[in-house]
Structures are given as structure tokens and as C-alpha cells.
Amino acid sequence: MNRLVVGLGNPGEEYYDTRHNVGYIVVDMLSKVFKRRFQPGKGSYYYFSKRYRNYNVIVAKPTTYMNISGKAVAELVDKYNIDFNKMIIICDDINLTFGQIRIREKGSDGGHKGIESIIYSLENERFPRLRIGIGSPDKDTKDYVLEKFSSTEMNEIREISNRANDAIFEWINNDIISAMNKFNIKLVNE
């Protein structure tokens, strides 16, 4: 049985440490946990797969820009015959406090262009997503999400990525409801 984990971001070294690329950062950490390297896929994505318990876990990063992430996700869904509830999309969210994790079973795009593209490509919004708060901008949203994390924030992102990976394993081992119950908690300073 397949499980698909997709971290959203923009390709290219110049975007790596930006707020919009937190999905990439999380799955890069997951590749270290699984001791696997990303390789080019037969589509618009890099991926690796790992047998974990009774699952074949496919972890991917679209090589399209954020606003057309749906192309890569649709290719992965088709190639691996993934049911929508057997995949989880990891992305940034400006509506959440920095570091907060919010897991949803389904829903609208919430203003996120990558999620909007996936909903459009799949013609469905009934797929899980794990959103990671990057804080609210006090400037133009586009400029804010493409800014690099500060060195202090990057140190915190490592811990946030660990929690996100714990949430992914909770989803794989149990289900989305269990992951939501365990990880959709408010931060102490909220």
C-alpha cells in the first residue's frame, strides 16, 4: 500500500531558505530520517521511496514553481495510483503563528497558491495537508514568503521540521484524525 508525502516549495538554491520552502525543508529532513536521497522522477518532481512497516512511502518535491505544484502532484497520484486520503501535502501558512503546525483532512486552498494549483489539477480538495506557520507579513505577501528565514528562525525550523516529521509518522502509523488530535495544538505564546 502506498503513502505519498509531498513537500511544496520553489526549485533553485536561491529559494531554499525562504519561508515558502518550508515544505521542502521538512521532506529534506525526512530523507535523512529514511536515509534516502532524492532522485529525478519521470515527471516534474524529485522523489525517493522507502518501505516502512506495511507501506511504500513515496516522498516528493515538485520541481515546478509553487503556483503550478498541482502538475507534479497529479503526475505522482497517477503514477503511484494514490487515493487522495493516502497523501499529505506539506506547505507554509501565513495565517498561522511561526512554528505552529495545523493538519487538515481536506478543505479550501486558504489563499495558498500551491494548494490552489493542486486542487485545480486533482479537481478535488479532499486531501490531507500539513501547514506550518511562518507568521503574518507586515509587508507584501509575495515579498514576505520569498524572504529568507533569519538565522534564529532557521535554528527553530529544525525543531519545527522534527515535529512535522513526527506528525507525518503519526499519520502513516495511525491516521489523519490521530495526527490532527496529537499535533493541532496551540503554541504556548499564542
C-alpha atoms as a PDB file:
ATOM      1  CA  MET A   1       0.000   0.000   0.000  1.00  0.00           C
ATOM      2  CA  ASN A   2       1.354   3.423  -0.994  1.00  0.00           C
ATOM      3  CA  ARG A   3       1.564   6.624   1.029  1.00  0.00           C
ATOM      4  CA  LEU A   4       2.595   9.880  -0.641  1.00  0.00           C
ATOM      5  CA  VAL A   5       4.258  12.787   1.181  1.00  0.00           C
ATOM      6  CA  VAL A   6       4.811  15.969  -0.855  1.00  0.00           C
ATOM      7  CA  GLY A   7       6.730  18.996   0.392  1.00  0.00           C
ATOM      8  CA  LEU A   8       5.928  22.186  -1.507  1.00  0.00           C
ATOM      9  CA  GLY A   9       8.489  24.823  -2.411  1.00  0.00           C
ATOM     10  CA  ASN A  10      10.255  26.562  -5.263  1.00  0.00           C
ATOM     11  CA  PRO A  11      13.187  24.879  -7.025  1.00  0.00           C
ATOM     12  CA  GLY A  12      16.594  26.529  -7.048  1.00  0.00           C
ATOM     13  CA  GLU A  13      19.238  27.266  -4.444  1.00  0.00           C
ATOM     14  CA  GLU A  14      18.198  30.931  -4.210  1.00  0.00           C
ATOM     15  CA  TYR A  15      14.819  29.885  -2.765  1.00  0.00           C
ATOM     16  CA  TYR A  16      15.941  27.148  -0.395  1.00  0.00           C
ATOM     17  CA  ASP A  17      15.945  29.002   2.950  1.00  0.00           C
ATOM     18  CA  THR A  18      12.840  31.049   2.176  1.00  0.00           C
ATOM     19  CA  ARG A  19       9.578  30.890   4.082  1.00  0.00           C
ATOM     20  CA  HIS A  20       7.725  29.487   1.063  1.00  0.00           C
ATOM     21  CA  ASN A  21      10.075  26.477   1.032  1.00  0.00           C
ATOM     22  CA  VAL A  22       9.330  25.089   4.467  1.00  0.00           C
ATOM     23  CA  GLY A  23       7.680  22.070   2.776  1.00  0.00           C
ATOM     24  CA  TYR A  24      10.977  21.266   1.041  1.00  0.00           C
ATOM     25  CA  ILE A  25      12.868  21.691   4.314  1.00  0.00           C
ATOM     26  CA  VAL A  26      10.571  19.205   6.095  1.00  0.00           C
ATOM     27  CA  VAL A  27      10.888  16.491   3.432  1.00  0.00           C
ATOM     28  CA  ASP A  28      14.647  17.047   3.209  1.00  0.00           C
ATOM     29  CA  MET A  29      14.786  16.208   6.904  1.00  0.00           C
ATOM     30  CA  LEU A  30      12.560  13.191   6.263  1.00  0.00           C
ATOM     31  CA  SER A  31      15.077  11.992   3.655  1.00  0.00           C
ATOM     32  CA  LYS A  32      17.729  11.996   6.392  1.00  0.00           C
ATOM     33  CA  VAL A  33      15.461  10.034   8.734  1.00  0.00           C
ATOM     34  CA  PHE A  34      14.815   7.453   5.991  1.00  0.00           C
ATOM     35  CA  LYS A  35      18.473   7.582   4.834  1.00  0.00           C
ATOM     36  CA  ARG A  36      17.410   8.132   1.237  1.00  0.00           C
ATOM     37  CA  ARG A  37      18.385  10.677  -1.409  1.00  0.00           C
ATOM     38  CA  PHE A  38      16.024  12.442  -3.746  1.00  0.00           C
ATOM     39  CA  GLN A  39      16.373  11.475  -7.391  1.00  0.00           C
ATOM     40  CA  PRO A  40      14.733  12.821 -10.543  1.00  0.00           C
ATOM     41  CA  GLY A  41      11.318  11.313 -11.190  1.00  0.00           C
ATOM     42  CA  LYS A  42       9.615  10.623 -14.507  1.00  0.00           C
ATOM     43  CA  GLY A  43       7.770  13.884 -14.234  1.00  0.00           C
ATOM     44  CA  SER A  44       8.042  17.319 -12.641  1.00  0.00           C
ATOM     45  CA  TYR A  45       9.411  16.142  -9.287  1.00  0.00           C
ATOM     46  CA  TYR A  46      12.264  14.656  -7.313  1.00  0.00           C
ATOM     47  CA  TYR A  47      11.423  11.701  -5.112  1.00  0.00           C
ATOM     48  CA  PHE A  48      12.554   8.704  -3.119  1.00  0.00           C
ATOM     49  CA  SER A  49      10.637   5.727  -1.827  1.00  0.00           C
ATOM     50  CA  LYS A  50      11.144   3.683   1.306  1.00  0.00           C
ATOM     51  CA  ARG A  51       9.470   0.573   2.617  1.00  0.00           C
ATOM     52  CA  TYR A  52       8.199   1.422   6.086  1.00  0.00           C
ATOM     53  CA  ARG A  53       6.126  -1.108   8.021  1.00  0.00           C
ATOM     54  CA  ASN A  54       3.420  -2.251   5.590  1.00  0.00           C
ATOM     55  CA  TYR A  55       3.695   0.812   3.376  1.00  0.00           C
ATOM     56  CA  ASN A  56       5.663   2.001   0.428  1.00  0.00           C
ATOM     57  CA  VAL A  57       6.241   5.648   1.380  1.00  0.00           C
ATOM     58  CA  ILE A  58       6.917   7.938  -1.576  1.00  0.00           C
ATOM     59  CA  VAL A  59       8.352  11.337  -0.627  1.00  0.00           C
ATOM     60  CA  ALA A  60       8.479  14.035  -3.299  1.00  0.00           C
ATOM     61  CA  LYS A  61       9.381  17.646  -4.065  1.00  0.00           C
ATOM     62  CA  PRO A  62       7.804  19.240  -7.147  1.00  0.00           C
ATOM     63  CA  THR A  63      10.326  20.825  -9.499  1.00  0.00           C
ATOM     64  CA  THR A  64       7.691  23.225 -10.759  1.00  0.00           C
ATOM     65  CA  TYR A  65       7.316  26.587  -9.104  1.00  0.00           C
ATOM     66  CA  MET A  66       4.889  26.778  -6.199  1.00  0.00           C
ATOM     67  CA  ASN A  67       1.994  28.171  -8.230  1.00  0.00           C
ATOM     68  CA  ILE A  68       1.934  25.113 -10.512  1.00  0.00           C
ATOM     69  CA  SER A  69       2.630  22.403  -7.920  1.00  0.00           C
ATOM     70  CA  GLY A  70      -0.561  20.631  -8.972  1.00  0.00           C
ATOM     71  CA  LYS A  71       1.116  19.362 -12.149  1.00  0.00           C
ATOM     72  CA  ALA A  72       3.694  17.345 -10.180  1.00  0.00           C
ATOM     73  CA  VAL A  73       1.174  16.116  -7.602  1.00  0.00           C
ATOM     74  CA  ALA A  74      -1.191  14.907 -10.347  1.00  0.00           C
ATOM     75  CA  GLU A  75       1.723  13.061 -12.011  1.00  0.00           C
ATOM     76  CA  LEU A  76       2.600  11.365  -8.711  1.00  0.00           C
ATOM     77  CA  VAL A  77      -1.030  10.446  -7.958  1.00  0.00           C
ATOM     78  CA  ASP A  78      -1.351   8.879 -11.423  1.00  0.00           C
ATOM     79  CA  LYS A  79       2.000   7.075 -11.388  1.00  0.00           C
ATOM     80  CA  TYR A  80       1.543   5.520  -7.939  1.00  0.00           C
ATOM     81  CA  ASN A  81      -2.253   5.157  -8.049  1.00  0.00           C
ATOM     82  CA  ILE A  82      -2.670   7.170  -4.849  1.00  0.00           C
ATOM     83  CA  ASP A  83      -6.049   7.654  -3.193  1.00  0.00           C
ATOM     84  CA  PHE A  84      -6.358  11.301  -2.155  1.00  0.00           C
ATOM     85  CA  ASN A  85      -6.652  10.374   1.537  1.00  0.00           C
ATOM     86  CA  LYS A  86      -3.363   8.424   1.287  1.00  0.00           C
ATOM     87  CA  MET A  87      -1.270  11.513   0.566  1.00  0.00           C
ATOM     88  CA  ILE A  88      -0.307  14.521   2.623  1.00  0.00           C
ATOM     89  CA  ILE A  89       0.891  17.895   1.337  1.00  0.00           C
ATOM     90  CA  ILE A  90       3.300  19.979   3.458  1.00  0.00           C
ATOM     91  CA  CYS A  91       3.260  23.744   2.940  1.00  0.00           C
ATOM     92  CA  ASP A  92       3.779  27.115   4.595  1.00  0.00           C
ATOM     93  CA  ASP A  93       0.909  29.183   6.005  1.00  0.00           C
ATOM     94  CA  ILE A  94       0.974  32.925   6.718  1.00  0.00           C
ATOM     95  CA  ASN A  95      -2.242  32.648   8.734  1.00  0.00           C
ATOM     96  CA  LEU A  96      -0.558  30.583  11.448  1.00  0.00           C
ATOM     97  CA  THR A  97       1.879  31.772  14.094  1.00  0.00           C
ATOM     98  CA  PHE A  98       5.510  30.982  13.269  1.00  0.00           C
ATOM     99  CA  GLY A  99       6.137  27.335  14.088  1.00  0.00           C
ATOM    100  CA  GLN A 100       2.536  26.289  14.600  1.00  0.00           C
ATOM    101  CA  ILE A 101       1.515  23.070  12.852  1.00  0.00           C
ATOM    102  CA  ARG A 102      -2.029  22.616  11.596  1.00  0.00           C
ATOM    103  CA  ILE A 103      -3.191  19.397   9.956  1.00  0.00           C
ATOM    104  CA  ARG A 104      -6.394  19.249   7.948  1.00  0.00           C
ATOM    105  CA  GLU A 105      -8.148  16.291   6.375  1.00  0.00           C
ATOM    106  CA  LYS A 106      -9.476  18.404   3.495  1.00  0.00           C
ATOM    107  CA  GLY A 107     -10.529  21.948   2.723  1.00  0.00           C
ATOM    108  CA  SER A 108     -10.117  25.023   0.582  1.00  0.00           C
ATOM    109  CA  ASP A 109      -6.778  26.446  -0.512  1.00  0.00           C
ATOM    110  CA  GLY A 110      -6.848  29.108   2.244  1.00  0.00           C
ATOM    111  CA  GLY A 111      -5.206  31.552  -0.180  1.00  0.00           C
ATOM    112  CA  HIS A 112      -2.161  29.298  -0.767  1.00  0.00           C
ATOM    113  CA  LYS A 113      -1.292  29.224  -4.476  1.00  0.00           C
ATOM    114  CA  GLY A 114       0.373  25.783  -4.286  1.00  0.00           C
ATOM    115  CA  ILE A 115      -2.685  24.209  -2.657  1.00  0.00           C
ATOM    116  CA  GLU A 116      -4.906  26.053  -5.135  1.00  0.00           C
ATOM    117  CA  SER A 117      -2.929  24.507  -8.013  1.00  0.00           C
ATOM    118  CA  ILE A 118      -3.236  21.016  -6.506  1.00  0.00           C
ATOM    119  CA  ILE A 119      -6.999  21.382  -6.012  1.00  0.00           C
ATOM    120  CA  TYR A 120      -7.301  22.571  -9.623  1.00  0.00           C
ATOM    121  CA  SER A 121      -5.175  19.710 -11.027  1.00  0.00           C
ATOM    122  CA  LEU A 122      -6.853  16.978  -8.973  1.00  0.00           C
ATOM    123  CA  GLU A 123     -10.308  18.555  -9.296  1.00  0.00           C
ATOM    124  CA  ASN A 124     -10.710  17.736  -5.619  1.00  0.00           C
ATOM    125  CA  GLU A 125      -9.980  19.392  -2.264  1.00  0.00           C
ATOM    126  CA  ARG A 126     -10.405  16.225  -0.204  1.00  0.00           C
ATOM    127  CA  PHE A 127      -6.751  15.506   0.578  1.00  0.00           C
ATOM    128  CA  PRO A 128      -4.798  15.959   3.824  1.00  0.00           C
ATOM    129  CA  ARG A 129      -2.380  18.804   4.280  1.00  0.00           C
ATOM    130  CA  LEU A 130       0.090  19.761   6.982  1.00  0.00           C
ATOM    131  CA  ARG A 131       0.508  23.509   7.166  1.00  0.00           C
ATOM    132  CA  ILE A 132       3.395  25.146   9.006  1.00  0.00           C
ATOM    133  CA  GLY A 133       3.043  28.682  10.298  1.00  0.00           C
ATOM    134  CA  ILE A 134       5.536  31.212   9.014  1.00  0.00           C
ATOM    135  CA  GLY A 135       3.912  34.217  10.704  1.00  0.00           C
ATOM    136  CA  SER A 136       1.976  37.115   9.246  1.00  0.00           C
ATOM    137  CA  PRO A 137       3.706  39.581   6.965  1.00  0.00           C
ATOM    138  CA  ASP A 138       3.870  43.283   7.737  1.00  0.00           C
ATOM    139  CA  LYS A 139       4.621  43.831   4.042  1.00  0.00           C
ATOM    140  CA  ASP A 140       3.554  42.482   0.661  1.00  0.00           C
ATOM    141  CA  THR A 141       2.804  38.748   0.999  1.00  0.00           C
ATOM    142  CA  LYS A 142       4.831  37.794  -2.098  1.00  0.00           C
ATOM    143  CA  ASP A 143       7.930  39.585  -0.799  1.00  0.00           C
ATOM    144  CA  TYR A 144       7.464  38.075   2.666  1.00  0.00           C
ATOM    145  CA  VAL A 145       7.155  34.425   1.594  1.00  0.00           C
ATOM    146  CA  LEU A 146      10.204  34.736  -0.678  1.00  0.00           C
ATOM    147  CA  GLU A 147      12.363  36.220   2.115  1.00  0.00           C
ATOM    148  CA  LYS A 148      14.980  34.005   3.687  1.00  0.00           C
ATOM    149  CA  PHE A 149      14.472  32.860   7.265  1.00  0.00           C
ATOM    150  CA  SER A 150      16.698  34.646   9.766  1.00  0.00           C
ATOM    151  CA  SER A 151      19.472  32.537  11.331  1.00  0.00           C
ATOM    152  CA  THR A 152      17.424  32.360  14.554  1.00  0.00           C
ATOM    153  CA  GLU A 153      14.349  31.215  12.627  1.00  0.00           C
ATOM    154  CA  MET A 154      16.415  28.600  10.732  1.00  0.00           C
ATOM    155  CA  ASN A 155      17.519  27.104  14.046  1.00  0.00           C
ATOM    156  CA  GLU A 156      13.870  26.921  15.108  1.00  0.00           C
ATOM    157  CA  ILE A 157      12.843  25.474  11.747  1.00  0.00           C
ATOM    158  CA  ARG A 158      14.921  22.371  12.525  1.00  0.00           C
ATOM    159  CA  GLU A 159      12.809  21.684  15.619  1.00  0.00           C
ATOM    160  CA  ILE A 160       9.602  22.547  13.763  1.00  0.00           C
ATOM    161  CA  SER A 161      10.617  20.119  10.979  1.00  0.00           C
ATOM    162  CA  ASN A 162      11.172  17.398  13.578  1.00  0.00           C
ATOM    163  CA  ARG A 163       7.636  17.952  14.900  1.00  0.00           C
ATOM    164  CA  ALA A 164       6.258  17.943  11.354  1.00  0.00           C
ATOM    165  CA  ASN A 165       8.019  14.635  10.685  1.00  0.00           C
ATOM    166  CA  ASP A 166       6.576  13.221  13.910  1.00  0.00           C
ATOM    167  CA  ALA A 167       3.138  14.264  12.631  1.00  0.00           C
ATOM    168  CA  ILE A 168       3.801  12.557   9.289  1.00  0.00           C
ATOM    169  CA  PHE A 169       4.756   9.322  11.059  1.00  0.00           C
ATOM    170  CA  GLU A 170       1.634   9.586  13.226  1.00  0.00           C
ATOM    171  CA  TRP A 171      -0.430   9.877  10.031  1.00  0.00           C
ATOM    172  CA  ILE A 172       1.335   6.911   8.397  1.00  0.00           C
ATOM    173  CA  ASN A 173       1.170   4.699  11.501  1.00  0.00           C
ATOM    174  CA  ASN A 174      -2.388   5.570  12.519  1.00  0.00           C
ATOM    175  CA  ASP A 175      -4.480   8.032  10.519  1.00  0.00           C
ATOM    176  CA  ILE A 176      -5.111  11.693   9.822  1.00  0.00           C
ATOM    177  CA  ILE A 177      -7.524  12.092  12.760  1.00  0.00           C
ATOM    178  CA  SER A 178      -4.906  10.780  15.179  1.00  0.00           C
ATOM    179  CA  ALA A 179      -2.310  13.173  13.728  1.00  0.00           C
ATOM    180  CA  MET A 180      -4.760  16.089  13.997  1.00  0.00           C
ATOM    181  CA  ASN A 181      -5.612  15.259  17.622  1.00  0.00           C
ATOM    182  CA  LYS A 182      -1.975  14.989  18.605  1.00  0.00           C
ATOM    183  CA  PHE A 183      -0.416  17.891  16.671  1.00  0.00           C
ATOM    184  CA  ASN A 184      -3.116  20.555  16.208  1.00  0.00           C
ATOM    185  CA  ILE A 185      -2.282  22.264  19.481  1.00  0.00           C
ATOM    186  CA  LYS A 186      -1.911  25.960  20.117  1.00  0.00           C
ATOM    187  CA  LEU A 187       1.526  27.287  20.938  1.00  0.00           C
ATOM    188  CA  VAL A 188       2.068  28.483  24.497  1.00  0.00           C
ATOM    189  CA  ASN A 189       2.760  32.060  23.436  1.00  0.00           C
ATOM    190  CA  GLU A 190      -0.415  32.394  21.351  1.00  0.00           C
END
